[in-house]
Amino acid sequence: MVMIGSVRRIAFVGFAVLIVLGTACSSPHDASIAKKYEGKLVRRPGSAPDDQKVYLVTGGAKRWVTSKDWIIAHGFHWPTDVETISSDDLALLPEGMAIH
């Protein structure tokens, strides 16, 4: 077992289980969505307050980033590094702990 921040990887021959803050992807499709956006800042389209939330996808989960200062301090460019993804894709990602 390898600990990487809040992510635990338990690997078996030809098989890996990823556990993130008590959440996991529920299907192979969900896992492929998580992999597609891993390490990226994402949001869904729209102008409602919840549509403006920016998430960092890490360890297979989306984590709400509550401050653009955190984004800048961690080497991202605000707002150009924020990718708008479909609401469906965002909904497939399990919710992790917010980043303050």
C-alpha atoms as a PDB file:
ATOM      1  CA  MET A   1       0.000   0.000   0.000  1.00  0.00           C
ATOM      2  CA  VAL A   2       1.350   3.428  -0.947  1.00  0.00           C
ATOM      3  CA  MET A   3       0.118   6.654   0.666  1.00  0.00           C
ATOM      4  CA  ILE A   4       0.088   9.711  -1.586  1.00  0.00           C
ATOM      5  CA  GLY A   5      -1.460  12.633   0.289  1.00  0.00           C
ATOM      6  CA  SER A   6      -5.012  11.576   1.025  1.00  0.00           C
ATOM      7  CA  VAL A   7      -4.947   8.877  -1.660  1.00  0.00           C
ATOM      8  CA  ARG A   8      -4.222   5.231  -0.852  1.00  0.00           C
ATOM      9  CA  ARG A   9      -3.308   2.903  -3.669  1.00  0.00           C
ATOM     10  CA  ILE A  10      -3.601  -0.792  -3.002  1.00  0.00           C
ATOM     11  CA  ALA A  11      -2.159  -2.744  -5.912  1.00  0.00           C
ATOM     12  CA  PHE A  12      -2.496  -6.415  -6.738  1.00  0.00           C
ATOM     13  CA  VAL A  13      -1.093  -8.169  -9.803  1.00  0.00           C
ATOM     14  CA  GLY A  14      -2.872  -6.581 -12.772  1.00  0.00           C
ATOM     15  CA  PHE A  15      -5.443  -4.860 -10.571  1.00  0.00           C
ATOM     16  CA  ALA A  16      -5.524  -1.629  -8.566  1.00  0.00           C
ATOM     17  CA  VAL A  17      -8.063  -0.200  -6.165  1.00  0.00           C
ATOM     18  CA  LEU A  18      -8.128   3.541  -5.610  1.00  0.00           C
ATOM     19  CA  ILE A  19      -9.737   4.843  -2.441  1.00  0.00           C
ATOM     20  CA  VAL A  20     -10.102   8.609  -2.093  1.00  0.00           C
ATOM     21  CA  LEU A  21     -11.423  10.173   1.080  1.00  0.00           C
ATOM     22  CA  GLY A  22     -13.900   7.324   1.471  1.00  0.00           C
ATOM     23  CA  THR A  23     -15.216   7.657  -2.094  1.00  0.00           C
ATOM     24  CA  ALA A  24     -14.573   5.624  -5.199  1.00  0.00           C
ATOM     25  CA  CYS A  25     -15.740   5.622  -8.783  1.00  0.00           C
ATOM     26  CA  SER A  26     -18.731   3.337  -9.143  1.00  0.00           C
ATOM     27  CA  SER A  27     -18.118   2.085 -12.687  1.00  0.00           C
ATOM     28  CA  PRO A  28     -15.340   1.760 -15.269  1.00  0.00           C
ATOM     29  CA  HIS A  29     -16.926   4.676 -17.171  1.00  0.00           C
ATOM     30  CA  ASP A  30     -16.770   6.857 -14.041  1.00  0.00           C
ATOM     31  CA  ALA A  31     -13.121   5.878 -13.593  1.00  0.00           C
ATOM     32  CA  SER A  32     -12.317   6.844 -17.194  1.00  0.00           C
ATOM     33  CA  ILE A  33     -13.937  10.252 -16.642  1.00  0.00           C
ATOM     34  CA  ALA A  34     -11.865  10.716 -13.480  1.00  0.00           C
ATOM     35  CA  LYS A  35      -8.689   9.762 -15.355  1.00  0.00           C
ATOM     36  CA  LYS A  36      -9.541  12.122 -18.221  1.00  0.00           C
ATOM     37  CA  TYR A  37      -9.687  15.129 -15.885  1.00  0.00           C
ATOM     38  CA  GLU A  38      -7.070  14.080 -13.293  1.00  0.00           C
ATOM     39  CA  GLY A  39      -4.971  17.063 -12.166  1.00  0.00           C
ATOM     40  CA  LYS A  40      -7.177  19.581 -13.965  1.00  0.00           C
ATOM     41  CA  LEU A  41      -9.336  22.448 -12.798  1.00  0.00           C
ATOM     42  CA  VAL A  42     -12.897  21.986 -14.038  1.00  0.00           C
ATOM     43  CA  ARG A  43     -16.327  23.569 -13.807  1.00  0.00           C
ATOM     44  CA  ARG A  44     -19.688  22.989 -15.460  1.00  0.00           C
ATOM     45  CA  PRO A  45     -21.318  25.382 -17.929  1.00  0.00           C
ATOM     46  CA  GLY A  46     -23.893  27.897 -16.767  1.00  0.00           C
ATOM     47  CA  SER A  47     -24.263  31.125 -14.842  1.00  0.00           C
ATOM     48  CA  ALA A  48     -25.964  29.954 -11.630  1.00  0.00           C
ATOM     49  CA  PRO A  49     -23.844  30.237  -8.453  1.00  0.00           C
ATOM     50  CA  ASP A  50     -23.158  26.477  -8.314  1.00  0.00           C
ATOM     51  CA  ASP A  51     -22.089  26.553 -11.973  1.00  0.00           C
ATOM     52  CA  GLN A  52     -19.288  28.956 -11.034  1.00  0.00           C
ATOM     53  CA  LYS A  53     -17.651  26.509  -8.616  1.00  0.00           C
ATOM     54  CA  VAL A  54     -14.204  25.372  -9.733  1.00  0.00           C
ATOM     55  CA  TYR A  55     -13.009  21.892  -8.785  1.00  0.00           C
ATOM     56  CA  LEU A  56      -9.597  20.251  -8.804  1.00  0.00           C
ATOM     57  CA  VAL A  57      -9.839  16.635  -9.905  1.00  0.00           C
ATOM     58  CA  THR A  58      -7.401  14.612  -7.861  1.00  0.00           C
ATOM     59  CA  GLY A  59      -7.323  10.965  -6.889  1.00  0.00           C
ATOM     60  CA  GLY A  60     -10.485  10.316  -8.879  1.00  0.00           C
ATOM     61  CA  ALA A  61     -12.609  12.878  -7.009  1.00  0.00           C
ATOM     62  CA  LYS A  62     -13.607  16.492  -7.576  1.00  0.00           C
ATOM     63  CA  ARG A  63     -12.576  18.896  -4.812  1.00  0.00           C
ATOM     64  CA  TRP A  64     -14.145  22.351  -4.716  1.00  0.00           C
ATOM     65  CA  VAL A  65     -11.437  25.029  -4.687  1.00  0.00           C
ATOM     66  CA  THR A  66     -12.905  27.883  -2.662  1.00  0.00           C
ATOM     67  CA  SER A  67     -10.236  30.485  -3.470  1.00  0.00           C
ATOM     68  CA  LYS A  68      -8.641  31.645  -6.701  1.00  0.00           C
ATOM     69  CA  ASP A  69      -5.614  32.579  -4.562  1.00  0.00           C
ATOM     70  CA  TRP A  70      -5.056  28.853  -3.888  1.00  0.00           C
ATOM     71  CA  ILE A  71      -5.254  28.169  -7.612  1.00  0.00           C
ATOM     72  CA  ILE A  72      -2.598  30.792  -8.386  1.00  0.00           C
ATOM     73  CA  ALA A  73      -0.382  29.780  -5.447  1.00  0.00           C
ATOM     74  CA  HIS A  74      -0.325  26.191  -6.739  1.00  0.00           C
ATOM     75  CA  GLY A  75       0.919  27.055 -10.215  1.00  0.00           C
ATOM     76  CA  PHE A  76      -2.344  27.238 -12.138  1.00  0.00           C
ATOM     77  CA  HIS A  77      -3.263  30.239 -14.277  1.00  0.00           C
ATOM     78  CA  TRP A  78      -6.574  31.854 -13.339  1.00  0.00           C
ATOM     79  CA  PRO A  79      -8.934  31.623 -15.234  1.00  0.00           C
ATOM     80  CA  THR A  80      -7.282  30.147 -18.341  1.00  0.00           C
ATOM     81  CA  ASP A  81      -6.516  26.759 -16.728  1.00  0.00           C
ATOM     82  CA  VAL A  82     -10.165  26.195 -15.768  1.00  0.00           C
ATOM     83  CA  GLU A  83     -11.806  23.809 -18.231  1.00  0.00           C
ATOM     84  CA  THR A  84     -15.577  23.814 -18.689  1.00  0.00           C
ATOM     85  CA  ILE A  85     -16.811  20.222 -18.845  1.00  0.00           C
ATOM     86  CA  SER A  86     -20.293  18.787 -19.281  1.00  0.00           C
ATOM     87  CA  SER A  87     -22.601  18.725 -16.282  1.00  0.00           C
ATOM     88  CA  ASP A  88     -22.920  14.963 -16.796  1.00  0.00           C
ATOM     89  CA  ASP A  89     -19.150  14.415 -16.559  1.00  0.00           C
ATOM     90  CA  LEU A  90     -18.901  16.590 -13.451  1.00  0.00           C
ATOM     91  CA  ALA A  91     -21.781  14.717 -11.809  1.00  0.00           C
ATOM     92  CA  LEU A  92     -19.987  11.378 -12.353  1.00  0.00           C
ATOM     93  CA  LEU A  93     -17.019  12.480 -10.259  1.00  0.00           C
ATOM     94  CA  PRO A  94     -17.389  11.718  -6.536  1.00  0.00           C
ATOM     95  CA  GLU A  95     -17.150  14.724  -4.224  1.00  0.00           C
ATOM     96  CA  GLY A  96     -13.981  15.051  -2.159  1.00  0.00           C
ATOM     97  CA  MET A  97     -13.165  17.494   0.602  1.00  0.00           C
ATOM     98  CA  ALA A  98     -13.114  21.185  -0.330  1.00  0.00           C
ATOM     99  CA  ILE A  99      -9.795  22.970  -0.689  1.00  0.00           C
ATOM    100  CA  HIS A 100      -9.585  26.261   1.239  1.00  0.00           C
END
